[in-house]
């Protein structure tokens, strides 16, 4: 069974965030202590952010930059990762 989800996957969501904020991939790399290549794999859709600690750190830097509630960003990260997982499973 396949489902059509008209929501952005994680890579699309992250690209949108980077395009509408001052956050750069290098900022993410430093903030969540990961390799630059990992961030670019997220942006290309080859990988999904699965680590809970990294999700929390990413939500914190984005919410701070956008001056939004941390929980709102966390939900967006969780949902976009879920969308990516569903798309991969189809």
Protein backbone atom coordinates (compact mmCIF):
# COMPACT_ATOMS: atom_id res chain seq x y z
CA UNK A 1 0.00 0.00 0.00
CA UNK A 2 1.31 3.45 -0.84
CA UNK A 3 0.43 6.76 0.68
CA UNK A 4 0.68 10.15 -0.91
CA UNK A 5 2.04 12.66 1.55
CA UNK A 6 2.03 16.25 0.40
CA UNK A 7 4.48 17.39 3.05
CA UNK A 8 8.18 18.12 2.68
CA UNK A 9 10.64 15.38 3.46
CA UNK A 10 13.62 16.10 5.69
CA UNK A 11 15.98 17.24 2.92
CA UNK A 12 13.38 19.61 1.44
CA UNK A 13 12.51 20.97 4.88
CA UNK A 14 16.16 21.53 5.81
CA UNK A 15 16.89 23.28 2.48
CA UNK A 16 13.93 25.57 3.11
CA UNK A 17 15.24 26.43 6.58
CA UNK A 18 18.73 27.17 5.26
CA UNK A 19 17.32 29.34 2.47
CA UNK A 20 15.22 31.42 4.86
CA UNK A 21 17.69 31.90 7.71
CA UNK A 22 21.31 32.82 8.25
CA UNK A 23 22.09 29.22 9.22
CA UNK A 24 24.75 27.56 7.08
CA UNK A 25 25.67 23.87 6.79
CA UNK A 26 28.91 24.65 8.63
CA UNK A 27 26.89 26.07 11.53
CA UNK A 28 24.91 22.85 11.75
CA UNK A 29 28.10 20.79 11.56
CA UNK A 30 29.59 22.60 14.54
CA UNK A 31 26.38 22.80 16.58
CA UNK A 32 25.51 19.13 16.44
CA UNK A 33 29.06 17.81 16.22
CA UNK A 34 28.83 15.94 12.95
CA UNK A 35 30.77 15.77 9.69
CA UNK A 36 30.13 18.28 6.94
CA UNK A 37 29.55 15.40 4.51
CA UNK A 38 26.72 14.13 6.74
CA UNK A 39 24.93 17.48 6.55
CA UNK A 40 25.28 17.49 2.76
CA UNK A 41 23.91 13.94 2.63
CA UNK A 42 20.87 15.16 4.60
CA UNK A 43 20.45 18.01 2.12
CA UNK A 44 20.69 15.63 -0.84
CA UNK A 45 18.22 13.18 0.69
CA UNK A 46 20.73 10.34 0.85
CA UNK A 47 20.53 10.24 4.64
CA UNK A 48 17.93 11.08 7.25
CA UNK A 49 18.68 12.61 10.62
CA UNK A 50 17.99 9.67 12.93
CA UNK A 51 19.97 10.49 16.07
CA UNK A 52 17.72 11.94 18.77
CA UNK A 53 20.48 14.06 20.32
CA UNK A 54 21.27 15.61 16.94
CA UNK A 55 17.59 16.30 16.32
CA UNK A 56 17.38 18.15 19.63
CA UNK A 57 20.52 20.17 18.92
CA UNK A 58 19.29 21.05 15.43
CA UNK A 59 15.93 22.16 16.80
CA UNK A 60 17.65 24.38 19.33
CA UNK A 61 19.82 26.22 16.82
CA UNK A 62 16.97 26.68 14.35
CA UNK A 63 14.50 27.85 16.99
CA UNK A 64 17.04 30.31 18.33
CA UNK A 65 17.78 31.72 14.86
CA UNK A 66 14.11 31.94 13.87
CA UNK A 67 12.96 33.04 17.32
CA UNK A 68 10.36 30.28 17.43
CA UNK A 69 9.37 27.84 20.10
CA UNK A 70 11.80 24.93 20.29
CA UNK A 71 8.92 22.41 20.45
CA UNK A 72 7.45 23.68 17.18
CA UNK A 73 10.75 23.14 15.37
CA UNK A 74 11.18 19.74 16.99
CA UNK A 75 7.78 18.66 15.68
CA UNK A 76 8.73 19.85 12.20
CA UNK A 77 11.96 17.85 12.33
CA UNK A 78 10.17 14.73 13.56
CA UNK A 79 7.45 15.01 10.92
CA UNK A 80 9.83 15.69 8.02
CA UNK A 81 11.98 12.71 9.06
CA UNK A 82 8.85 10.58 9.24
CA UNK A 83 7.86 11.69 5.74
CA UNK A 84 11.33 10.73 4.50
CA UNK A 85 11.04 7.29 6.10
CA UNK A 86 7.62 6.69 4.51
CA UNK A 87 8.90 7.75 1.10
CA UNK A 88 11.86 5.39 1.39
CA UNK A 89 9.65 2.47 2.34
CA UNK A 90 7.41 2.78 -0.71
